[in-house]
Amino acid sequence: MADNTQHSDEAVEAAVFRRLVAHLDEHVDVQNIDLMNLAGFCRNCLSKWYVAAAAEHGMEVDYEGARERVYGMPYADWKRLHQREASDEQRAEFERKRSG
């Protein structure tokens, strides 16, 4: 029974991850710096966590592959299509929170 529960938990967690990635994809107007300033993580953080989790499970996933999974396309394409230059206010907020 415990194996069944663990499998169910992992299935739910995987579904939540996919929903989070889909939600971020639906809101490409929300910049990574906005996410960092508000929540302390961004799409790049998710990519790094993906690489780390894969390694914990004996799988090798490179950072660019993880970013493509999270961004839904190569990062360079996403950046060209959706990333705006951070404002002075956004950068100041990021630095304040990072050093605080």
Protein backbone atom coordinates (compact mmCIF):
# COMPACT_ATOMS: atom_id res chain seq x y z
CA MET A 1 0.00 0.00 0.00
CA ALA A 2 2.83 2.44 0.81
CA ASP A 3 4.24 1.98 -2.71
CA ASN A 4 0.84 2.79 -4.15
CA THR A 5 0.58 5.95 -2.06
CA GLN A 6 4.10 7.02 -3.01
CA HIS A 7 3.32 6.44 -6.69
CA SER A 8 0.12 8.47 -6.34
CA ASP A 9 1.95 11.28 -4.56
CA GLU A 10 4.61 11.37 -7.26
CA ALA A 11 1.97 11.40 -10.01
CA VAL A 12 0.21 14.33 -8.35
CA GLU A 13 3.50 16.18 -7.82
CA ALA A 14 4.42 15.64 -11.49
CA ALA A 15 1.01 16.94 -12.56
CA VAL A 16 1.46 20.03 -10.38
CA PHE A 17 4.89 20.66 -11.92
CA ARG A 18 3.42 20.39 -15.43
CA ARG A 19 0.60 22.76 -14.45
CA LEU A 20 3.08 25.29 -13.00
CA VAL A 21 5.14 25.18 -16.19
CA ALA A 22 1.97 25.57 -18.30
CA HIS A 23 0.84 28.48 -16.13
CA LEU A 24 4.17 30.23 -16.56
CA ASP A 25 3.95 29.58 -20.30
CA GLU A 26 0.51 31.21 -20.35
CA HIS A 27 1.99 34.28 -18.62
CA VAL A 28 5.13 35.03 -20.61
CA ASP A 29 4.54 38.70 -19.80
CA VAL A 30 5.68 37.92 -16.26
CA GLN A 31 9.42 38.36 -16.42
CA ASN A 32 11.89 36.26 -14.46
CA ILE A 33 12.99 39.29 -12.48
CA ASP A 34 9.35 39.85 -11.47
CA LEU A 35 9.17 36.27 -10.23
CA MET A 36 12.48 36.63 -8.38
CA ASN A 37 11.41 39.88 -6.74
CA LEU A 38 8.03 38.53 -5.72
CA ALA A 39 8.64 34.88 -4.96
CA GLY A 40 12.39 34.36 -4.78
CA PHE A 41 12.49 31.94 -7.73
CA CYS A 42 12.11 32.06 -11.49
CA ARG A 43 12.02 29.83 -14.53
CA ASN A 44 15.81 29.45 -14.41
CA CYS A 45 15.57 28.31 -10.78
CA LEU A 46 13.02 25.67 -11.81
CA SER A 47 15.45 24.53 -14.49
CA LYS A 48 18.27 24.20 -11.96
CA TRP A 49 15.97 22.30 -9.58
CA TYR A 50 15.03 20.00 -12.46
CA VAL A 51 18.71 19.21 -13.14
CA ALA A 52 19.33 18.57 -9.42
CA ALA A 53 16.27 16.33 -9.05
CA ALA A 54 17.25 14.34 -12.13
CA ALA A 55 20.74 13.83 -10.67
CA GLU A 56 19.22 12.65 -7.38
CA HIS A 57 17.39 9.99 -9.37
CA GLY A 58 20.49 8.90 -11.28
CA MET A 59 19.56 10.71 -14.47
CA GLU A 60 21.71 13.16 -16.36
CA VAL A 61 19.87 16.23 -17.61
CA ASP A 62 21.88 19.22 -18.74
CA TYR A 63 20.87 22.75 -17.81
CA GLU A 64 19.93 23.76 -21.36
CA GLY A 65 17.74 20.67 -21.71
CA ALA A 66 16.04 21.49 -18.43
CA ARG A 67 15.49 25.08 -19.51
CA GLU A 68 13.93 23.89 -22.74
CA ARG A 69 11.57 21.73 -20.67
CA VAL A 70 10.61 24.66 -18.42
CA TYR A 71 10.47 27.35 -21.14
CA GLY A 72 8.81 25.08 -23.71
CA MET A 73 11.43 26.05 -26.30
CA PRO A 74 15.16 26.75 -26.43
CA TYR A 75 15.98 29.50 -23.94
CA ALA A 76 17.52 31.72 -26.62
CA ASP A 77 14.23 31.64 -28.54
CA TRP A 78 12.17 32.41 -25.42
CA LYS A 79 14.50 35.24 -24.51
CA ARG A 80 14.29 36.74 -28.01
CA LEU A 81 10.48 36.44 -28.09
CA HIS A 82 9.52 37.36 -24.53
CA GLN A 83 12.27 38.83 -22.36
CA ARG A 84 12.34 42.55 -21.84
CA GLU A 85 15.16 44.59 -20.37
CA ALA A 86 14.74 44.88 -16.61
CA SER A 87 13.93 48.37 -15.40
CA ASP A 88 16.17 50.22 -12.98
CA GLU A 89 13.46 49.70 -10.33
CA GLN A 90 13.32 45.96 -10.95
CA ARG A 91 17.10 45.63 -10.74
CA ALA A 92 17.23 47.72 -7.56
CA GLU A 93 14.53 45.59 -5.94
CA PHE A 94 16.39 42.43 -6.95
CA GLU A 95 19.65 43.69 -5.45
CA ARG A 96 17.91 44.88 -2.28
CA LYS A 97 16.30 41.49 -1.71
CA ARG A 98 19.42 39.58 -2.68
CA SER A 99 21.65 41.45 -0.25
CA GLY A 100 18.99 41.78 2.45
